[in-house]
Amino acid sequence: MTTASNWLPNWALAYATPYIVGSGPGNADLQSKVFFNWASFCLIDAVFVYLYIYETKAVIPNHPNRALSLEEVDELFDTVSVAWKSKHFTPTVHFADMFHERDSKGEAKDKRVEDVLRAAA
């Protein structure tokens, strides 16, 4: 479905371009001015991305190129109210930490996945 929604407008644009830029009867005769139209759409798209698309590749110490896990993305949407502030989001809960217990000294003890599933049931 997503591929079709991408290909259909691409086909329509490729089909219409000769009529938009061409001169003569039945054509729009925009010639090279059509690129100002396309540039304005690119600018509108850039503003849309900045305002509405959240950054899901957080800067995490010791893991500079790691994308957020699903749990961290969930936390991102819960805590960050606007998309342009998502660049500075740092997750507080990591998926790997969900499988560790802490002893009385605060040291992490490994907890087996079976124990976690048993406790959740």
N, C-alpha and C. Protein backbone atom coordinates (compact mmCIF):
# COMPACT_ATOMS: atom_id res chain seq x y z
N MET A 1 0.82 -1.19 0.00
CA MET A 1 0.00 0.00 0.00
C MET A 1 0.87 1.26 0.00
N THR A 2 1.92 1.27 0.81
CA THR A 2 2.77 2.45 0.86
C THR A 2 3.52 2.64 -0.45
N THR A 3 3.94 1.55 -1.06
CA THR A 3 4.64 1.66 -2.34
C THR A 3 3.70 2.21 -3.41
N ALA A 4 2.47 1.74 -3.42
CA ALA A 4 1.50 2.23 -4.40
C ALA A 4 1.20 3.70 -4.17
N SER A 5 1.13 4.13 -2.90
CA SER A 5 0.85 5.54 -2.62
C SER A 5 2.04 6.42 -2.98
N ASN A 6 3.21 5.85 -3.13
CA ASN A 6 4.38 6.60 -3.59
C ASN A 6 4.44 6.60 -5.12
N TRP A 7 4.20 5.47 -5.74
CA TRP A 7 4.33 5.35 -7.19
C TRP A 7 3.24 6.12 -7.94
N LEU A 8 2.03 6.15 -7.43
CA LEU A 8 0.94 6.82 -8.14
C LEU A 8 1.20 8.31 -8.32
N PRO A 9 1.55 9.07 -7.28
CA PRO A 9 1.88 10.49 -7.51
C PRO A 9 3.13 10.67 -8.38
N ASN A 10 4.10 9.77 -8.25
CA ASN A 10 5.28 9.87 -9.11
C ASN A 10 4.91 9.68 -10.58
N TRP A 11 4.04 8.73 -10.85
CA TRP A 11 3.60 8.50 -12.22
C TRP A 11 2.83 9.73 -12.73
N ALA A 12 1.94 10.27 -11.89
CA ALA A 12 1.14 11.43 -12.30
C ALA A 12 2.03 12.63 -12.59
N LEU A 13 3.05 12.83 -11.77
CA LEU A 13 3.97 13.94 -12.00
C LEU A 13 4.78 13.74 -13.28
N ALA A 14 5.26 12.52 -13.48
CA ALA A 14 6.03 12.23 -14.71
C ALA A 14 5.15 12.36 -15.95
N TYR A 15 3.89 11.97 -15.84
CA TYR A 15 2.97 12.08 -16.97
C TYR A 15 2.63 13.54 -17.28
N ALA A 16 2.46 14.35 -16.24
CA ALA A 16 2.02 15.73 -16.42
C ALA A 16 3.15 16.70 -16.75
N THR A 17 4.40 16.35 -16.42
CA THR A 17 5.51 17.28 -16.60
C THR A 17 5.65 17.81 -18.02
N PRO A 18 5.57 16.98 -19.06
CA PRO A 18 5.68 17.54 -20.42
C PRO A 18 4.60 18.58 -20.72
N TYR A 19 3.40 18.40 -20.19
CA TYR A 19 2.32 19.36 -20.42
C TYR A 19 2.49 20.62 -19.58
N ILE A 20 3.14 20.49 -18.43
CA ILE A 20 3.35 21.65 -17.57
C ILE A 20 4.45 22.56 -18.13
N VAL A 21 5.53 21.96 -18.61
CA VAL A 21 6.68 22.75 -19.06
C VAL A 21 6.65 23.06 -20.55
N GLY A 22 5.86 22.34 -21.31
CA GLY A 22 5.84 22.53 -22.77
C GLY A 22 5.11 23.79 -23.19
N SER A 23 5.44 24.26 -24.38
CA SER A 23 4.74 25.42 -24.94
C SER A 23 3.82 24.95 -26.05
N GLY A 24 2.87 25.78 -26.38
CA GLY A 24 1.93 25.43 -27.43
C GLY A 24 0.53 25.26 -26.88
N PRO A 25 -0.41 24.97 -27.77
CA PRO A 25 -1.81 24.83 -27.33
C PRO A 25 -1.99 23.62 -26.41
N GLY A 26 -2.72 23.81 -25.33
CA GLY A 26 -2.99 22.74 -24.39
C GLY A 26 -1.90 22.52 -23.35
N ASN A 27 -0.85 23.32 -23.37
CA ASN A 27 0.24 23.19 -22.39
C ASN A 27 0.29 24.44 -21.51
N ALA A 28 0.86 24.29 -20.32
CA ALA A 28 0.91 25.40 -19.37
C ALA A 28 2.03 26.38 -19.68
N ASP A 29 3.04 25.97 -20.44
CA ASP A 29 4.15 26.83 -20.85
C ASP A 29 4.89 27.45 -19.66
N LEU A 30 5.10 26.66 -18.61
CA LEU A 30 5.86 27.17 -17.46
C LEU A 30 7.36 27.08 -17.69
N GLN A 31 7.79 26.20 -18.53
CA GLN A 31 9.20 25.95 -18.83
C GLN A 31 10.00 25.81 -17.54
N SER A 32 11.08 26.55 -17.37
CA SER A 32 11.92 26.36 -16.18
C SER A 32 11.30 26.95 -14.92
N LYS A 33 10.25 27.75 -15.05
CA LYS A 33 9.59 28.33 -13.87
C LYS A 33 8.90 27.26 -13.02
N VAL A 34 8.69 26.08 -13.57
CA VAL A 34 8.05 25.02 -12.82
C VAL A 34 8.90 24.60 -11.62
N PHE A 35 10.20 24.82 -11.69
CA PHE A 35 11.06 24.43 -10.58
C PHE A 35 10.85 25.30 -9.35
N PHE A 36 10.37 26.53 -9.51
CA PHE A 36 10.01 27.35 -8.35
C PHE A 36 8.82 26.73 -7.62
N ASN A 37 7.90 26.17 -8.38
CA ASN A 37 6.77 25.47 -7.79
C ASN A 37 7.24 24.26 -7.00
N TRP A 38 8.11 23.44 -7.59
CA TRP A 38 8.61 22.26 -6.92
C TRP A 38 9.48 22.62 -5.72
N ALA A 39 10.25 23.69 -5.82
CA ALA A 39 11.08 24.14 -4.69
C ALA A 39 10.21 24.59 -3.53
N SER A 40 9.09 25.23 -3.83
CA SER A 40 8.20 25.65 -2.75
C SER A 40 7.59 24.44 -2.05
N PHE A 41 7.27 23.39 -2.78
CA PHE A 41 6.77 22.17 -2.15
C PHE A 41 7.84 21.53 -1.27
N CYS A 42 9.10 21.55 -1.72
CA CYS A 42 10.19 21.01 -0.90
C CYS A 42 10.35 21.81 0.38
N LEU A 43 10.22 23.12 0.31
CA LEU A 43 10.30 23.96 1.49
C LEU A 43 9.16 23.67 2.46
N ILE A 44 7.96 23.52 1.92
CA ILE A 44 6.81 23.16 2.76
C ILE A 44 7.03 21.81 3.42
N ASP A 45 7.58 20.84 2.68
CA ASP A 45 7.87 19.52 3.25
C ASP A 45 8.91 19.61 4.36
N ALA A 46 9.93 20.44 4.19
CA ALA A 46 10.96 20.59 5.22
C ALA A 46 10.37 21.17 6.50
N VAL A 47 9.49 22.15 6.36
CA VAL A 47 8.84 22.73 7.54
C VAL A 47 7.94 21.69 8.21
N PHE A 48 7.22 20.92 7.42
CA PHE A 48 6.36 19.86 7.97
C PHE A 48 7.18 18.85 8.77
N VAL A 49 8.29 18.40 8.21
CA VAL A 49 9.14 17.43 8.90
C VAL A 49 9.66 18.01 10.21
N TYR A 50 10.11 19.25 10.19
CA TYR A 50 10.64 19.89 11.40
C TYR A 50 9.56 19.99 12.48
N LEU A 51 8.34 20.31 12.09
CA LEU A 51 7.29 20.53 13.08
C LEU A 51 6.60 19.26 13.56
N TYR A 52 6.51 18.23 12.73
CA TYR A 52 5.64 17.10 13.05
C TYR A 52 6.31 15.73 13.12
N ILE A 53 7.54 15.57 12.65
CA ILE A 53 8.17 14.26 12.65
C ILE A 53 9.19 14.19 13.79
N TYR A 54 8.98 13.27 14.72
CA TYR A 54 9.85 13.12 15.88
C TYR A 54 11.17 12.45 15.50
N GLU A 55 12.24 12.86 16.16
CA GLU A 55 13.57 12.27 15.97
C GLU A 55 13.66 11.02 16.84
N THR A 56 13.87 9.87 16.22
CA THR A 56 13.93 8.61 16.99
C THR A 56 15.33 8.04 17.06
N LYS A 57 16.32 8.84 16.70
CA LYS A 57 17.71 8.43 16.88
C LYS A 57 18.30 9.34 17.94
N ALA A 58 18.17 8.95 19.19
CA ALA A 58 18.59 9.80 20.29
C ALA A 58 20.10 9.73 20.50
N VAL A 59 20.64 10.78 21.09
CA VAL A 59 22.05 10.80 21.45
C VAL A 59 22.15 10.21 22.85
N ILE A 60 22.66 8.99 22.92
CA ILE A 60 22.74 8.26 24.18
C ILE A 60 24.21 8.05 24.51
N PRO A 61 24.66 8.45 25.70
CA PRO A 61 26.06 8.23 26.05
C PRO A 61 26.45 6.76 25.90
N ASN A 62 27.64 6.51 25.40
CA ASN A 62 28.20 5.18 25.16
C ASN A 62 27.54 4.45 24.00
N HIS A 63 26.49 5.00 23.41
CA HIS A 63 25.82 4.40 22.25
C HIS A 63 25.44 5.51 21.27
N PRO A 64 26.41 6.17 20.63
CA PRO A 64 26.09 7.36 19.82
C PRO A 64 25.28 7.09 18.56
N ASN A 65 25.32 5.89 18.01
CA ASN A 65 24.62 5.63 16.75
C ASN A 65 23.45 4.67 16.91
N ARG A 66 22.92 4.54 18.10
CA ARG A 66 21.84 3.60 18.36
C ARG A 66 20.48 4.30 18.24
N ALA A 67 19.57 3.66 17.55
CA ALA A 67 18.21 4.18 17.47
C ALA A 67 17.45 3.77 18.73
N LEU A 68 16.34 4.44 18.97
CA LEU A 68 15.53 4.13 20.15
C LEU A 68 14.80 2.81 19.98
N SER A 69 14.63 2.10 21.08
CA SER A 69 13.82 0.88 21.06
C SER A 69 12.35 1.29 21.10
N LEU A 70 11.45 0.34 20.93
CA LEU A 70 10.02 0.65 20.95
C LEU A 70 9.59 1.23 22.29
N GLU A 71 10.14 0.71 23.37
CA GLU A 71 9.80 1.20 24.71
C GLU A 71 10.27 2.64 24.88
N GLU A 72 11.46 2.94 24.32
CA GLU A 72 11.99 4.29 24.43
C GLU A 72 11.21 5.27 23.55
N VAL A 73 10.75 4.81 22.39
CA VAL A 73 9.91 5.65 21.53
C VAL A 73 8.59 5.93 22.24
N ASP A 74 8.05 4.94 22.93
CA ASP A 74 6.83 5.15 23.70
C ASP A 74 7.05 6.22 24.77
N GLU A 75 8.19 6.14 25.46
CA GLU A 75 8.52 7.15 26.46
C GLU A 75 8.71 8.52 25.81
N LEU A 76 9.30 8.55 24.63
CA LEU A 76 9.49 9.81 23.89
C LEU A 76 8.15 10.48 23.64
N PHE A 77 7.17 9.73 23.13
CA PHE A 77 5.87 10.31 22.83
C PHE A 77 5.11 10.71 24.09
N ASP A 78 5.39 10.03 25.21
CA ASP A 78 4.74 10.39 26.47
C ASP A 78 5.32 11.65 27.09
N THR A 79 6.61 11.89 26.91
CA THR A 79 7.26 12.99 27.62
C THR A 79 7.53 14.24 26.79
N VAL A 80 7.71 14.10 25.48
CA VAL A 80 8.03 15.25 24.63
C VAL A 80 6.75 15.69 23.92
N SER A 81 6.37 16.94 24.14
CA SER A 81 5.08 17.39 23.63
C SER A 81 5.12 17.86 22.17
N VAL A 82 6.27 18.33 21.70
CA VAL A 82 6.37 18.82 20.32
C VAL A 82 7.57 18.18 19.64
N ALA A 83 7.46 17.97 18.34
CA ALA A 83 8.47 17.19 17.61
C ALA A 83 9.83 17.87 17.58
N TRP A 84 9.88 19.19 17.49
CA TRP A 84 11.18 19.85 17.35
C TRP A 84 12.01 19.79 18.64
N LYS A 85 11.41 19.39 19.76
CA LYS A 85 12.17 19.22 20.99
C LYS A 85 12.63 17.78 21.18
N SER A 86 12.26 16.89 20.28
CA SER A 86 12.59 15.47 20.44
C SER A 86 14.07 15.18 20.20
N LYS A 87 14.79 16.09 19.58
CA LYS A 87 16.21 15.88 19.31
C LYS A 87 17.01 15.76 20.61
N HIS A 88 16.57 16.43 21.65
CA HIS A 88 17.30 16.46 22.92
C HIS A 88 16.79 15.43 23.91
N PHE A 89 15.91 14.54 23.47
CA PHE A 89 15.35 13.52 24.37
C PHE A 89 16.41 12.48 24.71
N THR A 90 16.50 12.15 26.00
CA THR A 90 17.35 11.07 26.48
C THR A 90 16.47 10.10 27.25
N PRO A 91 16.41 8.84 26.85
CA PRO A 91 15.53 7.89 27.54
C PRO A 91 16.01 7.61 28.96
N THR A 92 15.06 7.38 29.84
CA THR A 92 15.40 7.05 31.23
C THR A 92 15.32 5.56 31.49
N VAL A 93 14.51 4.86 30.72
CA VAL A 93 14.35 3.42 30.88
C VAL A 93 14.84 2.75 29.61
N HIS A 94 15.71 1.77 29.76
CA HIS A 94 16.20 1.01 28.62
C HIS A 94 15.62 -0.40 28.68
N PHE A 95 15.37 -0.96 27.53
CA PHE A 95 14.78 -2.29 27.46
C PHE A 95 15.63 -3.32 28.20
N ALA A 96 16.95 -3.21 28.07
CA ALA A 96 17.84 -4.17 28.72
C ALA A 96 17.73 -4.09 30.24
N ASP A 97 17.44 -2.90 30.77
CA ASP A 97 17.33 -2.75 32.22
C ASP A 97 16.10 -3.44 32.78
N MET A 98 15.13 -3.73 31.95
CA MET A 98 13.92 -4.38 32.42
C MET A 98 14.19 -5.81 32.87
N PHE A 99 15.31 -6.38 32.47
CA PHE A 99 15.63 -7.75 32.80
C PHE A 99 16.72 -7.85 33.87
N HIS A 100 16.96 -6.77 34.58
CA HIS A 100 17.95 -6.77 35.65
C HIS A 100 17.29 -6.40 36.96
N GLU A 101 17.69 -7.07 38.00
CA GLU A 101 17.27 -6.70 39.34
C GLU A 101 18.42 -6.00 40.02
N ARG A 102 18.12 -5.22 41.01
CA ARG A 102 19.15 -4.56 41.79
C ARG A 102 19.18 -5.20 43.18
N ASP A 103 20.39 -5.44 43.67
CA ASP A 103 20.51 -5.96 45.03
C ASP A 103 20.51 -4.79 46.01
N SER A 104 20.76 -5.07 47.29
CA SER A 104 20.69 -4.04 48.32
C SER A 104 21.73 -2.94 48.12
N LYS A 105 22.82 -3.23 47.42
CA LYS A 105 23.86 -2.22 47.17
C LYS A 105 23.61 -1.45 45.87
N GLY A 106 22.55 -1.78 45.16
CA GLY A 106 22.25 -1.11 43.91
C GLY A 106 22.95 -1.73 42.72
N GLU A 107 23.63 -2.85 42.94
CA GLU A 107 24.32 -3.54 41.84
C GLU A 107 23.30 -4.34 41.03
N ALA A 108 23.51 -4.40 39.72
CA ALA A 108 22.60 -5.14 38.85
C ALA A 108 22.88 -6.63 38.93
N LYS A 109 21.80 -7.40 39.12
CA LYS A 109 21.89 -8.85 39.04
C LYS A 109 21.10 -9.27 37.81
N ASP A 110 21.66 -10.17 37.05
CA ASP A 110 20.93 -10.65 35.88
C ASP A 110 19.71 -11.43 36.32
N LYS A 111 18.64 -11.20 35.60
CA LYS A 111 17.40 -11.91 35.86
C LYS A 111 17.05 -12.65 34.58
N ARG A 112 16.75 -13.91 34.69
CA ARG A 112 16.47 -14.69 33.50
C ARG A 112 15.11 -14.31 32.92
N VAL A 113 15.01 -14.42 31.62
CA VAL A 113 13.78 -14.07 30.93
C VAL A 113 12.60 -14.91 31.42
N GLU A 114 12.88 -16.19 31.72
CA GLU A 114 11.80 -17.06 32.21
C GLU A 114 11.25 -16.53 33.53
N ASP A 115 12.12 -16.00 34.40
CA ASP A 115 11.67 -15.45 35.68
C ASP A 115 10.80 -14.21 35.47
N VAL A 116 11.19 -13.39 34.52
CA VAL A 116 10.41 -12.19 34.22
C VAL A 116 9.03 -12.56 33.71
N LEU A 117 8.98 -13.53 32.78
CA LEU A 117 7.69 -13.95 32.24
C LEU A 117 6.82 -14.61 33.30
N ARG A 118 7.45 -15.39 34.18
CA ARG A 118 6.71 -16.04 35.27
C ARG A 118 6.14 -15.00 36.22
N ALA A 119 6.92 -13.96 36.54
CA ALA A 119 6.46 -12.93 37.45
C ALA A 119 5.33 -12.09 36.83
N ALA A 120 5.38 -11.94 35.51
CA ALA A 120 4.37 -11.14 34.83
C ALA A 120 3.04 -11.88 34.71
N ALA A 121 3.09 -13.20 34.78
CA ALA A 121 1.87 -13.99 34.59
C ALA A 121 0.98 -14.01 35.83
